[in-house]
Amino acid sequence: MPDWNARYAAASAADALPARVLSEFAHLLPAQGRALDLACGLGANAQLLARRGLRVDAWDGAEVAIERLRELAEYEGLEVQASVRDVLVRPPEPETFDVIVVSRFLERSLAPALRAALRPGGLLYYQTFVREAVDPERGPRRAEYRLGRNELLTLFPDLRLVVYREEGRLGDPGAGFRNEAYAVFQRARDVE
């Protein structure tokens, strides 16, 4: 089991970049609302969300990551509520968030809770590692922590698919978006 506190203590905050799915599709974000950066690490997604005007909750199990994010958010005046939280024990409450971002974290049993935590019209940005990787050294070693082919599409069947990308090993492995898959989903509004 990785020692996440040690990893985050050694990491440079400058190296923490938002998930590609969030960066590329930030234009889909609402102008206001409440967002969750789940398994936030050093909080690059949380920072992007807060800079876009959202009130952000950022949760991670690593105390070091949360403390570093709190300091940065305070220094930059960002509206980020960073908390140490075991999401398996305390998943998000139903209809709490307008946006949820999950990057480089996979716990399949949380999928129903994530779907339920979205408010009507809410967006779920999800990006994580795949088994069909060009560089299998990037990301988790154990296959159960990686998505199978097109698996991300099956995790949230009752959400509307807005964006999806998974290239696997097809074509030129030195080009494109490899080793991960991403998607943006939307929960239906009560009246459409």
C-alpha atoms as a PDB file:
ATOM      1  CA  MET A   1       0.000   0.000   0.000  1.00  0.00           C
ATOM      2  CA  PRO A   2       1.475   3.370  -0.977  1.00  0.00           C
ATOM      3  CA  ASP A   3       2.378   5.851   1.736  1.00  0.00           C
ATOM      4  CA  TRP A   4       0.439   8.802   0.350  1.00  0.00           C
ATOM      5  CA  ASN A   5       1.539  11.189   3.106  1.00  0.00           C
ATOM      6  CA  ALA A   6       5.199  10.586   2.211  1.00  0.00           C
ATOM      7  CA  ARG A   7       4.476  10.976  -1.505  1.00  0.00           C
ATOM      8  CA  TYR A   8       2.625  14.251  -1.008  1.00  0.00           C
ATOM      9  CA  ALA A   9       5.261  15.586   1.383  1.00  0.00           C
ATOM     10  CA  ALA A  10       7.917  15.047  -1.307  1.00  0.00           C
ATOM     11  CA  ALA A  11       5.808  16.319  -4.224  1.00  0.00           C
ATOM     12  CA  SER A  12       6.065  19.808  -5.608  1.00  0.00           C
ATOM     13  CA  ALA A  13       2.807  21.748  -5.697  1.00  0.00           C
ATOM     14  CA  ALA A  14       3.966  23.092  -9.076  1.00  0.00           C
ATOM     15  CA  ASP A  15       3.898  19.519 -10.418  1.00  0.00           C
ATOM     16  CA  ALA A  16       0.231  19.097  -9.489  1.00  0.00           C
ATOM     17  CA  LEU A  17      -1.820  19.732 -12.610  1.00  0.00           C
ATOM     18  CA  PRO A  18      -5.590  19.514 -13.008  1.00  0.00           C
ATOM     19  CA  ALA A  19      -6.979  16.422 -14.673  1.00  0.00           C
ATOM     20  CA  ARG A  20      -6.936  16.700 -18.431  1.00  0.00           C
ATOM     21  CA  VAL A  21     -10.681  16.089 -18.648  1.00  0.00           C
ATOM     22  CA  LEU A  22     -11.311  19.068 -16.358  1.00  0.00           C
ATOM     23  CA  SER A  23      -8.838  21.363 -18.122  1.00  0.00           C
ATOM     24  CA  GLU A  24     -10.141  20.532 -21.594  1.00  0.00           C
ATOM     25  CA  PHE A  25     -13.807  20.747 -20.668  1.00  0.00           C
ATOM     26  CA  ALA A  26     -13.823  23.506 -18.048  1.00  0.00           C
ATOM     27  CA  HIS A  27     -16.079  25.438 -20.427  1.00  0.00           C
ATOM     28  CA  LEU A  28     -18.891  23.026 -19.464  1.00  0.00           C
ATOM     29  CA  LEU A  29     -18.735  24.074 -15.791  1.00  0.00           C
ATOM     30  CA  PRO A  30     -21.604  26.072 -14.318  1.00  0.00           C
ATOM     31  CA  ALA A  31     -20.914  29.717 -13.443  1.00  0.00           C
ATOM     32  CA  GLN A  32     -21.628  29.005  -9.776  1.00  0.00           C
ATOM     33  CA  GLY A  33     -22.494  26.166  -7.445  1.00  0.00           C
ATOM     34  CA  ARG A  34     -20.875  23.610  -5.223  1.00  0.00           C
ATOM     35  CA  ALA A  35     -18.138  21.231  -6.384  1.00  0.00           C
ATOM     36  CA  LEU A  36     -16.324  18.230  -4.945  1.00  0.00           C
ATOM     37  CA  ASP A  37     -12.753  17.200  -5.747  1.00  0.00           C
ATOM     38  CA  LEU A  38     -12.792  13.598  -4.494  1.00  0.00           C
ATOM     39  CA  ALA A  39      -9.421  11.976  -3.690  1.00  0.00           C
ATOM     40  CA  CYS A  40      -8.010  15.438  -4.340  1.00  0.00           C
ATOM     41  CA  GLY A  41      -4.322  14.886  -3.605  1.00  0.00           C
ATOM     42  CA  LEU A  42      -2.620  18.285  -3.666  1.00  0.00           C
ATOM     43  CA  GLY A  43      -5.823  19.828  -5.005  1.00  0.00           C
ATOM     44  CA  ALA A  44      -5.062  20.995  -8.538  1.00  0.00           C
ATOM     45  CA  ASN A  45      -8.648  20.207  -9.576  1.00  0.00           C
ATOM     46  CA  ALA A  46     -10.014  21.999  -6.509  1.00  0.00           C
ATOM     47  CA  GLN A  47      -7.958  25.084  -7.342  1.00  0.00           C
ATOM     48  CA  LEU A  48      -9.230  25.184 -10.925  1.00  0.00           C
ATOM     49  CA  LEU A  49     -12.818  24.795  -9.744  1.00  0.00           C
ATOM     50  CA  ALA A  50     -12.446  27.547  -7.130  1.00  0.00           C
ATOM     51  CA  ARG A  51     -10.837  29.906  -9.650  1.00  0.00           C
ATOM     52  CA  ARG A  52     -13.911  29.334 -11.847  1.00  0.00           C
ATOM     53  CA  GLY A  53     -16.136  30.648  -9.027  1.00  0.00           C
ATOM     54  CA  LEU A  54     -17.367  27.394  -7.500  1.00  0.00           C
ATOM     55  CA  ARG A  55     -17.496  26.657  -3.766  1.00  0.00           C
ATOM     56  CA  VAL A  56     -15.268  23.602  -3.444  1.00  0.00           C
ATOM     57  CA  ASP A  57     -15.017  20.711  -1.045  1.00  0.00           C
ATOM     58  CA  ALA A  58     -11.780  18.724  -1.450  1.00  0.00           C
ATOM     59  CA  TRP A  59     -11.421  15.347   0.231  1.00  0.00           C
ATOM     60  CA  ASP A  60      -8.475  13.013   0.565  1.00  0.00           C
ATOM     61  CA  GLY A  61      -7.263  10.423   3.044  1.00  0.00           C
ATOM     62  CA  ALA A  62      -3.744  11.893   3.194  1.00  0.00           C
ATOM     63  CA  GLU A  63      -3.380  14.492   5.942  1.00  0.00           C
ATOM     64  CA  VAL A  64      -0.248  15.977   4.347  1.00  0.00           C
ATOM     65  CA  ALA A  65      -2.043  16.655   1.047  1.00  0.00           C
ATOM     66  CA  ILE A  66      -4.997  18.279   2.792  1.00  0.00           C
ATOM     67  CA  GLU A  67      -2.775  20.500   4.933  1.00  0.00           C
ATOM     68  CA  ARG A  68      -0.794  21.650   1.890  1.00  0.00           C
ATOM     69  CA  LEU A  69      -4.015  22.394   0.000  1.00  0.00           C
ATOM     70  CA  ARG A  70      -5.439  24.357   2.943  1.00  0.00           C
ATOM     71  CA  GLU A  71      -2.303  26.503   3.106  1.00  0.00           C
ATOM     72  CA  LEU A  72      -2.341  27.175  -0.623  1.00  0.00           C
ATOM     73  CA  ALA A  73      -6.073  27.972  -0.691  1.00  0.00           C
ATOM     74  CA  GLU A  74      -5.684  30.393   2.209  1.00  0.00           C
ATOM     75  CA  TYR A  75      -2.655  32.046   0.605  1.00  0.00           C
ATOM     76  CA  GLU A  76      -4.485  32.490  -2.720  1.00  0.00           C
ATOM     77  CA  GLY A  77      -7.852  33.350  -1.169  1.00  0.00           C
ATOM     78  CA  LEU A  78      -9.608  30.414  -2.816  1.00  0.00           C
ATOM     79  CA  GLU A  79     -12.916  29.104  -1.504  1.00  0.00           C
ATOM     80  CA  VAL A  80     -11.824  25.525  -0.830  1.00  0.00           C
ATOM     81  CA  GLN A  81     -12.936  23.493   2.173  1.00  0.00           C
ATOM     82  CA  ALA A  82     -10.244  20.793   2.349  1.00  0.00           C
ATOM     83  CA  SER A  83     -10.906  17.817   4.625  1.00  0.00           C
ATOM     84  CA  VAL A  84      -9.384  14.472   5.491  1.00  0.00           C
ATOM     85  CA  ARG A  85     -12.169  12.024   4.713  1.00  0.00           C
ATOM     86  CA  ASP A  86     -12.452   8.317   4.080  1.00  0.00           C
ATOM     87  CA  VAL A  87     -14.987   8.296   1.246  1.00  0.00           C
ATOM     88  CA  LEU A  88     -15.594   4.573   1.626  1.00  0.00           C
ATOM     89  CA  VAL A  89     -16.829   5.147   5.171  1.00  0.00           C
ATOM     90  CA  ARG A  90     -18.470   8.524   4.473  1.00  0.00           C
ATOM     91  CA  PRO A  91     -19.375   8.913   0.791  1.00  0.00           C
ATOM     92  CA  PRO A  92     -20.895  12.194  -0.392  1.00  0.00           C
ATOM     93  CA  GLU A  93     -24.476  12.891   0.629  1.00  0.00           C
ATOM     94  CA  PRO A  94     -27.249  12.741  -2.003  1.00  0.00           C
ATOM     95  CA  GLU A  95     -27.928  15.804  -4.181  1.00  0.00           C
ATOM     96  CA  THR A  96     -25.144  17.877  -2.635  1.00  0.00           C
ATOM     97  CA  PHE A  97     -22.935  18.844  -5.587  1.00  0.00           C
ATOM     98  CA  ASP A  98     -23.298  20.566  -8.953  1.00  0.00           C
ATOM     99  CA  VAL A  99     -19.898  19.214 -10.038  1.00  0.00           C
ATOM    100  CA  ILE A 100     -17.855  16.215  -8.906  1.00  0.00           C
ATOM    101  CA  VAL A 101     -14.320  15.570 -10.138  1.00  0.00           C
ATOM    102  CA  VAL A 102     -12.566  12.229  -9.666  1.00  0.00           C
ATOM    103  CA  SER A 103      -9.110  11.792 -11.119  1.00  0.00           C
ATOM    104  CA  ARG A 104      -6.679   8.899 -10.812  1.00  0.00           C
ATOM    105  CA  PHE A 105      -8.824   7.130  -8.237  1.00  0.00           C
ATOM    106  CA  LEU A 106     -10.980   4.080  -8.815  1.00  0.00           C
ATOM    107  CA  GLU A 107     -13.378   2.590  -6.300  1.00  0.00           C
ATOM    108  CA  ARG A 108     -16.182   0.983  -8.266  1.00  0.00           C
ATOM    109  CA  SER A 109     -18.428   0.590  -5.223  1.00  0.00           C
ATOM    110  CA  LEU A 110     -18.661   4.406  -4.952  1.00  0.00           C
ATOM    111  CA  ALA A 111     -20.293   4.834  -8.365  1.00  0.00           C
ATOM    112  CA  PRO A 112     -23.915   4.783  -7.062  1.00  0.00           C
ATOM    113  CA  ALA A 113     -23.056   7.286  -4.302  1.00  0.00           C
ATOM    114  CA  LEU A 114     -21.336   9.623  -6.778  1.00  0.00           C
ATOM    115  CA  ARG A 115     -24.342   9.529  -9.087  1.00  0.00           C
ATOM    116  CA  ALA A 116     -26.697  10.205  -6.163  1.00  0.00           C
ATOM    117  CA  ALA A 117     -24.502  13.062  -4.877  1.00  0.00           C
ATOM    118  CA  LEU A 118     -25.066  15.048  -8.066  1.00  0.00           C
ATOM    119  CA  ARG A 119     -27.848  17.593  -8.087  1.00  0.00           C
ATOM    120  CA  PRO A 120     -30.162  17.499 -11.111  1.00  0.00           C
ATOM    121  CA  GLY A 121     -28.190  18.834 -14.073  1.00  0.00           C
ATOM    122  CA  GLY A 122     -24.901  18.204 -12.223  1.00  0.00           C
ATOM    123  CA  LEU A 123     -21.701  17.141 -13.958  1.00  0.00           C
ATOM    124  CA  LEU A 124     -19.313  14.305 -13.127  1.00  0.00           C
ATOM    125  CA  TYR A 125     -15.772  14.596 -14.516  1.00  0.00           C
ATOM    126  CA  TYR A 126     -13.959  11.257 -14.245  1.00  0.00           C
ATOM    127  CA  GLN A 127     -10.447  10.331 -15.351  1.00  0.00           C
ATOM    128  CA  THR A 128      -8.334   7.362 -14.316  1.00  0.00           C
ATOM    129  CA  PHE A 129      -5.904   4.694 -15.455  1.00  0.00           C
ATOM    130  CA  VAL A 130      -6.753   1.861 -17.854  1.00  0.00           C
ATOM    131  CA  ARG A 131      -5.438  -1.686 -18.130  1.00  0.00           C
ATOM    132  CA  GLU A 132      -4.743  -1.286 -21.851  1.00  0.00           C
ATOM    133  CA  ALA A 133      -1.884   1.129 -21.206  1.00  0.00           C
ATOM    134  CA  VAL A 134       0.974   2.085 -23.499  1.00  0.00           C
ATOM    135  CA  ASP A 135       3.135   2.692 -20.414  1.00  0.00           C
ATOM    136  CA  PRO A 136       1.956   0.268 -17.702  1.00  0.00           C
ATOM    137  CA  GLU A 137       4.553   1.679 -15.285  1.00  0.00           C
ATOM    138  CA  ARG A 138       2.439   4.828 -14.978  1.00  0.00           C
ATOM    139  CA  GLY A 139      -0.302   4.380 -12.426  1.00  0.00           C
ATOM    140  CA  PRO A 140      -1.245   1.505 -10.136  1.00  0.00           C
ATOM    141  CA  ARG A 141       0.416  -1.873 -10.544  1.00  0.00           C
ATOM    142  CA  ARG A 142      -2.690  -3.878  -9.633  1.00  0.00           C
ATOM    143  CA  ALA A 143      -5.227  -4.451 -12.401  1.00  0.00           C
ATOM    144  CA  GLU A 144      -8.222  -3.973 -10.091  1.00  0.00           C
ATOM    145  CA  TYR A 145      -7.237  -0.311  -9.731  1.00  0.00           C
ATOM    146  CA  ARG A 146      -7.389   0.184 -13.497  1.00  0.00           C
ATOM    147  CA  LEU A 147     -10.384   0.353 -15.795  1.00  0.00           C
ATOM    148  CA  GLY A 148     -11.077  -2.419 -18.275  1.00  0.00           C
ATOM    149  CA  ARG A 149     -11.791  -1.522 -21.903  1.00  0.00           C
ATOM    150  CA  ASN A 150     -14.823   0.825 -22.050  1.00  0.00           C
ATOM    151  CA  GLU A 151     -15.557   0.123 -18.377  1.00  0.00           C
ATOM    152  CA  LEU A 152     -15.944   3.791 -17.505  1.00  0.00           C
ATOM    153  CA  LEU A 153     -18.987   3.866 -19.787  1.00  0.00           C
ATOM    154  CA  THR A 154     -20.657   1.172 -17.677  1.00  0.00           C
ATOM    155  CA  LEU A 155     -20.087   2.689 -14.222  1.00  0.00           C
ATOM    156  CA  PHE A 156     -22.713   5.423 -14.580  1.00  0.00           C
ATOM    157  CA  PRO A 157     -25.388   3.974 -16.901  1.00  0.00           C
ATOM    158  CA  ASP A 158     -28.160   6.344 -15.844  1.00  0.00           C
ATOM    159  CA  LEU A 159     -26.108   9.511 -16.429  1.00  0.00           C
ATOM    160  CA  ARG A 160     -25.979  11.237 -19.810  1.00  0.00           C
ATOM    161  CA  LEU A 161     -22.603  10.827 -21.512  1.00  0.00           C
ATOM    162  CA  VAL A 162     -21.291  14.201 -22.658  1.00  0.00           C
ATOM    163  CA  VAL A 163     -17.626  13.433 -23.430  1.00  0.00           C
ATOM    164  CA  TYR A 164     -15.619  10.203 -23.630  1.00  0.00           C
ATOM    165  CA  ARG A 165     -12.036   9.377 -24.573  1.00  0.00           C
ATOM    166  CA  GLU A 166     -10.116   6.132 -24.340  1.00  0.00           C
ATOM    167  CA  GLU A 167      -7.464   5.345 -26.941  1.00  0.00           C
ATOM    168  CA  GLY A 168      -5.789   2.246 -25.537  1.00  0.00           C
ATOM    169  CA  ARG A 169      -2.939   1.061 -27.778  1.00  0.00           C
ATOM    170  CA  LEU A 170      -4.601   1.859 -31.097  1.00  0.00           C
ATOM    171  CA  GLY A 171      -2.448   3.493 -33.803  1.00  0.00           C
ATOM    172  CA  ASP A 172       0.700   5.441 -32.948  1.00  0.00           C
ATOM    173  CA  PRO A 173       1.364   4.795 -29.239  1.00  0.00           C
ATOM    174  CA  GLY A 174       3.650   7.835 -29.068  1.00  0.00           C
ATOM    175  CA  ALA A 175       0.822  10.251 -29.856  1.00  0.00           C
ATOM    176  CA  GLY A 176      -2.545  11.054 -28.358  1.00  0.00           C
ATOM    177  CA  PHE A 177      -3.959  10.485 -24.891  1.00  0.00           C
ATOM    178  CA  ARG A 178      -2.697   7.181 -23.515  1.00  0.00           C
ATOM    179  CA  ASN A 179      -2.777   5.179 -20.262  1.00  0.00           C
ATOM    180  CA  GLU A 180      -6.022   6.731 -19.013  1.00  0.00           C
ATOM    181  CA  ALA A 181      -9.665   7.158 -19.966  1.00  0.00           C
ATOM    182  CA  TYR A 182     -11.901  10.097 -19.219  1.00  0.00           C
ATOM    183  CA  ALA A 183     -15.529  11.071 -19.391  1.00  0.00           C
ATOM    184  CA  VAL A 184     -17.921  13.847 -18.496  1.00  0.00           C
ATOM    185  CA  PHE A 185     -21.398  12.740 -17.448  1.00  0.00           C
ATOM    186  CA  GLN A 186     -24.498  14.750 -16.588  1.00  0.00           C
ATOM    187  CA  ARG A 187     -27.363  13.872 -14.288  1.00  0.00           C
ATOM    188  CA  ALA A 188     -30.731  14.560 -15.899  1.00  0.00           C
ATOM    189  CA  ARG A 189     -32.583  17.634 -14.732  1.00  0.00           C
ATOM    190  CA  ASP A 190     -35.935  17.026 -13.047  1.00  0.00           C
ATOM    191  CA  VAL A 191     -37.682  18.541 -16.073  1.00  0.00           C
ATOM    192  CA  GLU A 192     -35.982  18.414 -19.474  1.00  0.00           C
END
